Full PDB file with SEQRES, HELIX, SHEET, SSBOND, CRYST1, ORIGX, SCALE, CONECT and MASTER records, all heavy atoms in Angstrom:
SEQRES   1 A   37  GLY LEU THR LEU ALA GLU GLN TYR LEU PRO ASP VAL ILE          
SEQRES   2 A   37  LEU MET ASP ILE ASN MET PRO ASP MET ASP GLY LEU VAL          
SEQRES   3 A   37  ALA THR GLN THR LEU ARG GLN ILE PRO ALA LEU                  
HELIX    1 AA1 LEU A    2  TYR A    8  1                                   7    
HELIX    2 AA2 GLY A   24  ARG A   32  1                                   9    
CRYST1    1.000    1.000    1.000  90.00  90.00  90.00 P 1           1          
ORIGX1      1.000000  0.000000  0.000000        0.00000                         
ORIGX2      0.000000  1.000000  0.000000        0.00000                         
ORIGX3      0.000000  0.000000  1.000000        0.00000                         
SCALE1      1.000000  0.000000  0.000000        0.00000                         
SCALE2      0.000000  1.000000  0.000000        0.00000                         
SCALE3      0.000000  0.000000  1.000000        0.00000                         
ATOM      1  N   GLY A   1      57.857  90.035  82.471  1.00  0.00           N  
ATOM      2  CA  GLY A   1      58.155  89.791  83.869  1.00  0.00           C  
ATOM      3  C   GLY A   1      58.692  88.390  84.116  1.00  0.00           C  
ATOM      4  O   GLY A   1      59.641  88.215  84.906  1.00  0.00           O  
ATOM      5  N   LEU A   2      58.139  87.406  83.462  1.00  0.00           N  
ATOM      6  CA  LEU A   2      58.628  86.037  83.616  1.00  0.00           C  
ATOM      7  C   LEU A   2      60.077  85.921  83.132  1.00  0.00           C  
ATOM      8  O   LEU A   2      60.913  85.303  83.799  1.00  0.00           O  
ATOM      9  CB  LEU A   2      57.740  85.054  82.843  1.00  0.00           C  
ATOM     10  CG  LEU A   2      56.308  84.895  83.375  1.00  0.00           C  
ATOM     11  CD1 LEU A   2      55.485  84.054  82.412  1.00  0.00           C  
ATOM     12  CD2 LEU A   2      56.317  84.288  84.759  1.00  0.00           C  
ATOM     13  N   THR A   3      60.386  86.587  82.032  1.00  0.00           N  
ATOM     14  CA  THR A   3      61.759  86.564  81.504  1.00  0.00           C  
ATOM     15  C   THR A   3      62.712  87.243  82.478  1.00  0.00           C  
ATOM     16  O   THR A   3      63.794  86.700  82.788  1.00  0.00           O  
ATOM     17  CB  THR A   3      61.798  87.276  80.134  1.00  0.00           C  
ATOM     18  OG1 THR A   3      60.927  86.580  79.236  1.00  0.00           O  
ATOM     19  CG2 THR A   3      63.193  87.308  79.568  1.00  0.00           C  
ATOM     20  N   LEU A   4      62.350  88.431  82.979  1.00  0.00           N  
ATOM     21  CA  LEU A   4      63.215  89.144  83.917  1.00  0.00           C  
ATOM     22  C   LEU A   4      63.377  88.367  85.218  1.00  0.00           C  
ATOM     23  O   LEU A   4      64.457  88.342  85.814  1.00  0.00           O  
ATOM     24  CB  LEU A   4      62.655  90.530  84.226  1.00  0.00           C  
ATOM     25  CG  LEU A   4      62.769  91.556  83.086  1.00  0.00           C  
ATOM     26  CD1 LEU A   4      62.080  92.862  83.491  1.00  0.00           C  
ATOM     27  CD2 LEU A   4      64.208  91.806  82.704  1.00  0.00           C  
ATOM     28  N   ALA A   5      62.309  87.719  85.688  1.00  0.00           N  
ATOM     29  CA  ALA A   5      62.399  86.943  86.936  1.00  0.00           C  
ATOM     30  C   ALA A   5      63.413  85.814  86.791  1.00  0.00           C  
ATOM     31  O   ALA A   5      64.232  85.620  87.687  1.00  0.00           O  
ATOM     32  CB  ALA A   5      61.015  86.380  87.284  1.00  0.00           C  
ATOM     33  N   GLU A   6      63.370  85.109  85.683  1.00  0.00           N  
ATOM     34  CA  GLU A   6      64.340  84.015  85.472  1.00  0.00           C  
ATOM     35  C   GLU A   6      65.751  84.539  85.318  1.00  0.00           C  
ATOM     36  O   GLU A   6      66.714  83.926  85.780  1.00  0.00           O  
ATOM     37  CB  GLU A   6      63.957  83.206  84.234  1.00  0.00           C  
ATOM     38  CG  GLU A   6      62.862  82.195  84.513  1.00  0.00           C  
ATOM     39  CD  GLU A   6      62.693  81.248  83.367  1.00  0.00           C  
ATOM     40  OE1 GLU A   6      62.064  81.612  82.361  1.00  0.00           O  
ATOM     41  OE2 GLU A   6      63.193  80.095  83.475  1.00  0.00           O  
ATOM     42  N   GLN A   7      65.896  85.679  84.666  1.00  0.00           N  
ATOM     43  CA  GLN A   7      67.219  86.234  84.423  1.00  0.00           C  
ATOM     44  C   GLN A   7      67.865  86.837  85.667  1.00  0.00           C  
ATOM     45  O   GLN A   7      69.054  86.640  85.910  1.00  0.00           O  
ATOM     46  CB  GLN A   7      67.101  87.311  83.330  1.00  0.00           C  
ATOM     47  CG  GLN A   7      68.410  87.918  82.904  1.00  0.00           C  
ATOM     48  CD  GLN A   7      68.245  88.914  81.771  1.00  0.00           C  
ATOM     49  OE1 GLN A   7      67.151  89.152  81.281  1.00  0.00           O  
ATOM     50  NE2 GLN A   7      69.339  89.531  81.378  1.00  0.00           N  
ATOM     51  N   TYR A   8      67.086  87.542  86.489  1.00  0.00           N  
ATOM     52  CA  TYR A   8      67.644  88.300  87.611  1.00  0.00           C  
ATOM     53  C   TYR A   8      67.372  87.717  88.993  1.00  0.00           C  
ATOM     54  O   TYR A   8      67.955  88.179  89.988  1.00  0.00           O  
ATOM     55  CB  TYR A   8      67.155  89.753  87.568  1.00  0.00           C  
ATOM     56  CG  TYR A   8      67.729  90.512  86.396  1.00  0.00           C  
ATOM     57  CD1 TYR A   8      66.995  90.718  85.257  1.00  0.00           C  
ATOM     58  CD2 TYR A   8      69.024  91.034  86.456  1.00  0.00           C  
ATOM     59  CE1 TYR A   8      67.501  91.404  84.174  1.00  0.00           C  
ATOM     60  CE2 TYR A   8      69.556  91.736  85.385  1.00  0.00           C  
ATOM     61  CZ  TYR A   8      68.797  91.906  84.245  1.00  0.00           C  
ATOM     62  OH  TYR A   8      69.328  92.580  83.181  1.00  0.00           O  
ATOM     63  N   LEU A   9      66.475  86.743  89.094  1.00  0.00           N  
ATOM     64  CA  LEU A   9      66.139  86.102  90.381  1.00  0.00           C  
ATOM     65  C   LEU A   9      65.937  87.125  91.481  1.00  0.00           C  
ATOM     66  O   LEU A   9      66.699  87.215  92.441  1.00  0.00           O  
ATOM     67  CB  LEU A   9      67.221  85.098  90.777  1.00  0.00           C  
ATOM     68  CG  LEU A   9      67.494  83.964  89.753  1.00  0.00           C  
ATOM     69  CD1 LEU A   9      68.653  83.112  90.214  1.00  0.00           C  
ATOM     70  CD2 LEU A   9      66.257  83.125  89.501  1.00  0.00           C  
ATOM     71  N   PRO A  10      64.860  87.915  91.400  1.00  0.00           N  
ATOM     72  CA  PRO A  10      64.591  88.955  92.400  1.00  0.00           C  
ATOM     73  C   PRO A  10      64.303  88.346  93.767  1.00  0.00           C  
ATOM     74  O   PRO A  10      63.958  87.166  93.884  1.00  0.00           O  
ATOM     75  CB  PRO A  10      63.365  89.666  91.842  1.00  0.00           C  
ATOM     76  CG  PRO A  10      62.692  88.659  90.980  1.00  0.00           C  
ATOM     77  CD  PRO A  10      63.792  87.834  90.394  1.00  0.00           C  
ATOM     78  N   ASP A  11      64.428  89.182  94.781  1.00  0.00           N  
ATOM     79  CA  ASP A  11      64.142  88.762  96.166  1.00  0.00           C  
ATOM     80  C   ASP A  11      62.643  88.730  96.423  1.00  0.00           C  
ATOM     81  O   ASP A  11      62.193  88.005  97.310  1.00  0.00           O  
ATOM     82  CB  ASP A  11      64.833  89.706  97.147  1.00  0.00           C  
ATOM     83  CG  ASP A  11      66.348  89.644  96.969  1.00  0.00           C  
ATOM     84  OD1 ASP A  11      66.913  88.561  97.075  1.00  0.00           O  
ATOM     85  OD2 ASP A  11      66.942  90.714  96.716  1.00  0.00           O  
ATOM     86  N   VAL A  12      61.882  89.549  95.726  1.00  0.00           N  
ATOM     87  CA  VAL A  12      60.427  89.586  95.858  1.00  0.00           C  
ATOM     88  C   VAL A  12      59.864  90.056  94.513  1.00  0.00           C  
ATOM     89  O   VAL A  12      60.479  90.846  93.818  1.00  0.00           O  
ATOM     90  CB  VAL A  12      59.963  90.484  97.023  1.00  0.00           C  
ATOM     91  CG1 VAL A  12      60.318  91.941  96.783  1.00  0.00           C  
ATOM     92  CG2 VAL A  12      58.469  90.353  97.285  1.00  0.00           C  
ATOM     93  N   ILE A  13      58.702  89.525  94.167  1.00  0.00           N  
ATOM     94  CA  ILE A  13      58.018  89.879  92.918  1.00  0.00           C  
ATOM     95  C   ILE A  13      56.667  90.472  93.264  1.00  0.00           C  
ATOM     96  O   ILE A  13      55.874  89.853  93.972  1.00  0.00           O  
ATOM     97  CB  ILE A  13      57.847  88.670  91.997  1.00  0.00           C  
ATOM     98  CG1 ILE A  13      59.215  88.075  91.614  1.00  0.00           C  
ATOM     99  CG2 ILE A  13      57.040  89.040  90.731  1.00  0.00           C  
ATOM    100  CD1 ILE A  13      59.165  86.720  90.951  1.00  0.00           C  
ATOM    101  N   LEU A  14      56.428  91.702  92.777  1.00  0.00           N  
ATOM    102  CA  LEU A  14      55.140  92.364  92.933  1.00  0.00           C  
ATOM    103  C   LEU A  14      54.383  92.186  91.627  1.00  0.00           C  
ATOM    104  O   LEU A  14      54.902  92.562  90.569  1.00  0.00           O  
ATOM    105  CB  LEU A  14      55.342  93.846  93.260  1.00  0.00           C  
ATOM    106  CG  LEU A  14      56.233  94.158  94.447  1.00  0.00           C  
ATOM    107  CD1 LEU A  14      56.408  95.664  94.610  1.00  0.00           C  
ATOM    108  CD2 LEU A  14      55.688  93.537  95.715  1.00  0.00           C  
ATOM    109  N   MET A  15      53.179  91.647  91.697  1.00  0.00           N  
ATOM    110  CA  MET A  15      52.460  91.227  90.505  1.00  0.00           C  
ATOM    111  C   MET A  15      51.096  91.895  90.421  1.00  0.00           C  
ATOM    112  O   MET A  15      50.244  91.669  91.290  1.00  0.00           O  
ATOM    113  CB  MET A  15      52.279  89.701  90.566  1.00  0.00           C  
ATOM    114  CG  MET A  15      51.493  89.104  89.436  1.00  0.00           C  
ATOM    115  SD  MET A  15      52.390  88.976  87.889  1.00  0.00           S  
ATOM    116  CE  MET A  15      53.615  87.732  88.302  1.00  0.00           C  
ATOM    117  N   ASP A  16      50.891  92.698  89.378  1.00  0.00           N  
ATOM    118  CA  ASP A  16      49.547  93.189  89.074  1.00  0.00           C  
ATOM    119  C   ASP A  16      48.737  91.990  88.626  1.00  0.00           C  
ATOM    120  O   ASP A  16      49.223  91.115  87.925  1.00  0.00           O  
ATOM    121  CB  ASP A  16      49.627  94.264  87.988  1.00  0.00           C  
ATOM    122  CG  ASP A  16      48.276  94.890  87.669  1.00  0.00           C  
ATOM    123  OD1 ASP A  16      47.372  94.831  88.518  1.00  0.00           O  
ATOM    124  OD2 ASP A  16      48.141  95.423  86.551  1.00  0.00           O  
ATOM    125  N   ILE A  17      47.466  91.934  89.014  1.00  0.00           N  
ATOM    126  CA  ILE A  17      46.615  90.803  88.646  1.00  0.00           C  
ATOM    127  C   ILE A  17      46.040  90.978  87.249  1.00  0.00           C  
ATOM    128  O   ILE A  17      46.006  90.033  86.472  1.00  0.00           O  
ATOM    129  CB  ILE A  17      45.469  90.617  89.680  1.00  0.00           C  
ATOM    130  CG1 ILE A  17      46.040  90.293  91.071  1.00  0.00           C  
ATOM    131  CG2 ILE A  17      44.499  89.547  89.226  1.00  0.00           C  
ATOM    132  CD1 ILE A  17      46.804  89.001  91.150  1.00  0.00           C  
ATOM    133  N   ASN A  18      45.602  92.172  86.918  1.00  0.00           N  
ATOM    134  CA  ASN A  18      44.941  92.400  85.630  1.00  0.00           C  
ATOM    135  C   ASN A  18      45.912  93.013  84.629  1.00  0.00           C  
ATOM    136  O   ASN A  18      46.232  94.180  84.721  1.00  0.00           O  
ATOM    137  CB  ASN A  18      43.746  93.332  85.816  1.00  0.00           C  
ATOM    138  CG  ASN A  18      42.710  92.729  86.729  1.00  0.00           C  
ATOM    139  OD1 ASN A  18      42.339  91.580  86.591  1.00  0.00           O  
ATOM    140  ND2 ASN A  18      42.232  93.495  87.677  1.00  0.00           N  
ATOM    141  N   MET A  19      46.343  92.164  83.691  1.00  0.00           N  
ATOM    142  CA  MET A  19      47.246  92.631  82.636  1.00  0.00           C  
ATOM    143  C   MET A  19      46.749  92.095  81.305  1.00  0.00           C  
ATOM    144  O   MET A  19      46.091  91.046  81.256  1.00  0.00           O  
ATOM    145  CB  MET A  19      48.678  92.183  82.929  1.00  0.00           C  
ATOM    146  CG  MET A  19      49.293  92.935  84.079  1.00  0.00           C  
ATOM    147  SD  MET A  19      50.989  92.473  84.376  1.00  0.00           S  
ATOM    148  CE  MET A  19      50.784  90.832  85.038  1.00  0.00           C  
ATOM    149  N   PRO A  20      47.073  92.775  80.224  1.00  0.00           N  
ATOM    150  CA  PRO A  20      46.494  92.406  78.936  1.00  0.00           C  
ATOM    151  C   PRO A  20      47.016  91.111  78.326  1.00  0.00           C  
ATOM    152  O   PRO A  20      46.257  90.390  77.692  1.00  0.00           O  
ATOM    153  CB  PRO A  20      46.828  93.593  78.014  1.00  0.00           C  
ATOM    154  CG  PRO A  20      47.963  94.269  78.681  1.00  0.00           C  
ATOM    155  CD  PRO A  20      47.834  93.999  80.155  1.00  0.00           C  
ATOM    156  N   ASP A  21      48.277  90.761  78.536  1.00  0.00           N  
ATOM    157  CA  ASP A  21      48.819  89.595  77.832  1.00  0.00           C  
ATOM    158  C   ASP A  21      48.560  88.281  78.561  1.00  0.00           C  
ATOM    159  O   ASP A  21      48.302  87.267  77.955  1.00  0.00           O  
ATOM    160  CB  ASP A  21      50.294  89.782  77.526  1.00  0.00           C  
ATOM    161  CG  ASP A  21      51.163  89.896  78.779  1.00  0.00           C  
ATOM    162  OD1 ASP A  21      50.649  90.314  79.841  1.00  0.00           O  
ATOM    163  OD2 ASP A  21      52.359  89.563  78.692  1.00  0.00           O  
ATOM    164  N   MET A  22      48.669  88.309  79.866  1.00  0.00           N  
ATOM    165  CA  MET A  22      48.475  87.106  80.705  1.00  0.00           C  
ATOM    166  C   MET A  22      48.142  87.645  82.079  1.00  0.00           C  
ATOM    167  O   MET A  22      48.821  88.547  82.571  1.00  0.00           O  
ATOM    168  CB  MET A  22      49.776  86.307  80.745  1.00  0.00           C  
ATOM    169  CG  MET A  22      49.773  85.160  81.723  1.00  0.00           C  
ATOM    170  SD  MET A  22      51.444  84.441  82.003  1.00  0.00           S  
ATOM    171  CE  MET A  22      51.890  83.862  80.382  1.00  0.00           C  
ATOM    172  N   ASP A  23      47.098  87.118  82.707  1.00  0.00           N  
ATOM    173  CA  ASP A  23      46.785  87.692  84.015  1.00  0.00           C  
ATOM    174  C   ASP A  23      47.813  87.247  85.040  1.00  0.00           C  
ATOM    175  O   ASP A  23      48.552  86.295  84.863  1.00  0.00           O  
ATOM    176  CB  ASP A  23      45.330  87.404  84.414  1.00  0.00           C  
ATOM    177  CG  ASP A  23      45.057  86.009  84.954  1.00  0.00           C  
ATOM    178  OD1 ASP A  23      45.942  85.412  85.585  1.00  0.00           O  
ATOM    179  OD2 ASP A  23      43.945  85.542  84.727  1.00  0.00           O  
ATOM    180  N   GLY A  24      47.858  88.027  86.116  1.00  0.00           N  
ATOM    181  CA  GLY A  24      48.864  87.797  87.137  1.00  0.00           C  
ATOM    182  C   GLY A  24      48.739  86.458  87.838  1.00  0.00           C  
ATOM    183  O   GLY A  24      49.726  85.932  88.371  1.00  0.00           O  
ATOM    184  N   LEU A  25      47.548  85.878  87.857  1.00  0.00           N  
ATOM    185  CA  LEU A  25      47.359  84.570  88.475  1.00  0.00           C  
ATOM    186  C   LEU A  25      48.061  83.483  87.682  1.00  0.00           C  
ATOM    187  O   LEU A  25      48.773  82.651  88.243  1.00  0.00           O  
ATOM    188  CB  LEU A  25      45.865  84.253  88.637  1.00  0.00           C  
ATOM    189  CG  LEU A  25      45.056  85.281  89.439  1.00  0.00           C  
ATOM    190  CD1 LEU A  25      43.591  84.888  89.492  1.00  0.00           C  
ATOM    191  CD2 LEU A  25      45.618  85.451  90.841  1.00  0.00           C  
ATOM    192  N   VAL A  26      47.899  83.504  86.375  1.00  0.00           N  
ATOM    193  CA  VAL A  26      48.569  82.539  85.489  1.00  0.00           C  
ATOM    194  C   VAL A  26      50.073  82.760  85.554  1.00  0.00           C  
ATOM    195  O   VAL A  26      50.859  81.800  85.636  1.00  0.00           O  
ATOM    196  CB  VAL A  26      48.045  82.639  84.053  1.00  0.00           C  
ATOM    197  CG1 VAL A  26      48.849  81.771  83.110  1.00  0.00           C  
ATOM    198  CG2 VAL A  26      46.571  82.270  84.005  1.00  0.00           C  
ATOM    199  N   ALA A  27      50.495  84.014  85.556  1.00  0.00           N  
ATOM    200  CA  ALA A  27      51.928  84.309  85.639  1.00  0.00           C  
ATOM    201  C   ALA A  27      52.518  83.813  86.941  1.00  0.00           C  
ATOM    202  O   ALA A  27      53.624  83.261  86.981  1.00  0.00           O  
ATOM    203  CB  ALA A  27      52.158  85.829  85.496  1.00  0.00           C  
ATOM    204  N   THR A  28      51.775  83.966  88.050  1.00  0.00           N  
ATOM    205  CA  THR A  28      52.241  83.462  89.346  1.00  0.00           C  
ATOM    206  C   THR A  28      52.364  81.941  89.311  1.00  0.00           C  
ATOM    207  O   THR A  28      53.366  81.392  89.816  1.00  0.00           O  
ATOM    208  CB  THR A  28      51.300  83.926  90.466  1.00  0.00           C  
ATOM    209  OG1 THR A  28      51.321  85.355  90.515  1.00  0.00           O  
ATOM    210  CG2 THR A  28      51.731  83.359  91.822  1.00  0.00           C  
ATOM    211  N   GLN A  29      51.373  81.274  88.756  1.00  0.00           N  
ATOM    212  CA  GLN A  29      51.447  79.810  88.655  1.00  0.00           C  
ATOM    213  C   GLN A  29      52.675  79.392  87.847  1.00  0.00           C  
ATOM    214  O   GLN A  29      53.345  78.415  88.197  1.00  0.00           O  
ATOM    215  CB  GLN A  29      50.174  79.259  88.015  1.00  0.00           C  
ATOM    216  CG  GLN A  29      48.967  79.391  88.907  1.00  0.00           C  
ATOM    217  CD  GLN A  29      47.659  79.083  88.188  1.00  0.00           C  
ATOM    218  OE1 GLN A  29      47.540  79.231  86.964  1.00  0.00           O  
ATOM    219  NE2 GLN A  29      46.684  78.642  88.947  1.00  0.00           N  
ATOM    220  N   THR A  30      52.974  80.119  86.792  1.00  0.00           N  
ATOM    221  CA  THR A  30      54.144  79.831  85.968  1.00  0.00           C  
ATOM    222  C   THR A  30      55.424  80.044  86.773  1.00  0.00           C  
ATOM    223  O   THR A  30      56.339  79.224  86.730  1.00  0.00           O  
ATOM    224  CB  THR A  30      54.154  80.717  84.695  1.00  0.00           C  
ATOM    225  OG1 THR A  30      52.913  80.501  83.988  1.00  0.00           O  
ATOM    226  CG2 THR A  30      55.318  80.398  83.797  1.00  0.00           C  
ATOM    227  N   LEU A  31      55.509  81.147  87.517  1.00  0.00           N  
ATOM    228  CA  LEU A  31      56.692  81.408  88.356  1.00  0.00           C  
ATOM    229  C   LEU A  31      56.905  80.295  89.350  1.00  0.00           C  
ATOM    230  O   LEU A  31      58.062  79.914  89.622  1.00  0.00           O  
ATOM    231  CB  LEU A  31      56.507  82.734  89.090  1.00  0.00           C  
ATOM    232  CG  LEU A  31      56.676  84.014  88.288  1.00  0.00           C  
ATOM    233  CD1 LEU A  31      56.171  85.200  89.098  1.00  0.00           C  
ATOM    234  CD2 LEU A  31      58.117  84.202  87.864  1.00  0.00           C  
ATOM    235  N   ARG A  32      55.850  79.784  89.934  1.00  0.00           N  
ATOM    236  CA  ARG A  32      55.960  78.752  90.975  1.00  0.00           C  
ATOM    237  C   ARG A  32      56.529  77.447  90.423  1.00  0.00           C  
ATOM    238  O   ARG A  32      56.980  76.602  91.169  1.00  0.00           O  
ATOM    239  CB  ARG A  32      54.598  78.512  91.635  1.00  0.00           C  
ATOM    240  CG  ARG A  32      54.175  79.676  92.510  1.00  0.00           C  
ATOM    241  CD  ARG A  32      55.099  79.792  93.684  1.00  0.00           C  
ATOM    242  NE  ARG A  32      54.794  80.924  94.540  1.00  0.00           N  
ATOM    243  CZ  ARG A  32      55.694  81.733  95.041  1.00  0.00           C  
ATOM    244  NH1 ARG A  32      56.977  81.545  94.818  1.00  0.00           N  
ATOM    245  NH2 ARG A  32      55.359  82.732  95.810  1.00  0.00           N  
ATOM    246  N   GLN A  33      56.495  77.279  89.103  1.00  0.00           N  
ATOM    247  CA  GLN A  33      57.023  76.060  88.485  1.00  0.00           C  
ATOM    248  C   GLN A  33      58.495  76.174  88.111  1.00  0.00           C  
ATOM    249  O   GLN A  33      59.121  75.221  87.652  1.00  0.00           O  
ATOM    250  CB  GLN A  33      56.190  75.688  87.261  1.00  0.00           C  
ATOM    251  CG  GLN A  33      54.761  75.339  87.651  1.00  0.00           C  
ATOM    252  CD  GLN A  33      53.885  75.039  86.478  1.00  0.00           C  
ATOM    253  OE1 GLN A  33      54.362  74.727  85.402  1.00  0.00           O  
ATOM    254  NE2 GLN A  33      52.581  75.122  86.674  1.00  0.00           N  
ATOM    255  N   ILE A  34      59.086  77.339  88.326  1.00  0.00           N  
ATOM    256  CA  ILE A  34      60.506  77.570  88.030  1.00  0.00           C  
ATOM    257  C   ILE A  34      61.273  77.305  89.328  1.00  0.00           C  
ATOM    258  O   ILE A  34      61.106  78.031  90.301  1.00  0.00           O  
ATOM    259  CB  ILE A  34      60.750  79.009  87.526  1.00  0.00           C  
ATOM    260  CG1 ILE A  34      59.933  79.270  86.249  1.00  0.00           C  
ATOM    261  CG2 ILE A  34      62.233  79.264  87.319  1.00  0.00           C  
ATOM    262  CD1 ILE A  34      59.876  80.727  85.829  1.00  0.00           C  
ATOM    263  N   PRO A  35      62.087  76.241  89.369  1.00  0.00           N  
ATOM    264  CA  PRO A  35      62.733  75.862  90.624  1.00  0.00           C  
ATOM    265  C   PRO A  35      63.470  76.995  91.341  1.00  0.00           C  
ATOM    266  O   PRO A  35      63.333  77.140  92.553  1.00  0.00           O  
ATOM    267  CB  PRO A  35      63.698  74.740  90.203  1.00  0.00           C  
ATOM    268  CG  PRO A  35      63.033  74.138  89.001  1.00  0.00           C  
ATOM    269  CD  PRO A  35      62.397  75.302  88.286  1.00  0.00           C  
ATOM    270  N   ALA A  36      64.189  77.825  90.619  1.00  0.00           N  
ATOM    271  CA  ALA A  36      64.964  78.889  91.265  1.00  0.00           C  
ATOM    272  C   ALA A  36      64.086  79.975  91.856  1.00  0.00           C  
ATOM    273  O   ALA A  36      64.541  80.779  92.671  1.00  0.00           O  
ATOM    274  CB  ALA A  36      65.931  79.514  90.254  1.00  0.00           C  
ATOM    275  N   LEU A  37      62.791  79.999  91.483  1.00  0.00           N  
ATOM    276  CA  LEU A  37      61.873  81.030  91.966  1.00  0.00           C  
ATOM    277  C   LEU A  37      60.765  80.451  92.837  1.00  0.00           C  
ATOM    278  O   LEU A  37      59.887  81.188  93.274  1.00  0.00           O  
ATOM    279  CB  LEU A  37      61.251  81.798  90.789  1.00  0.00           C  
ATOM    280  CG  LEU A  37      62.245  82.566  89.917  1.00  0.00           C  
ATOM    281  CD1 LEU A  37      61.585  82.998  88.622  1.00  0.00           C  
ATOM    282  CD2 LEU A  37      62.779  83.760  90.684  1.00  0.00           C  
TER     283      LEU A  37                                                      
MASTER        0    0    0    2    0    0    0    6  282    1    0    3          
END                                                                             
């Protein structure tokens, strides 16, 4: 999801919180640090 978000710059991101590789909270924090997102 992080890769696709950077590549396609969606208008809105829907994020499941509980995921096996990285939880949605950490992923959201990471997204917030990407200037374009």
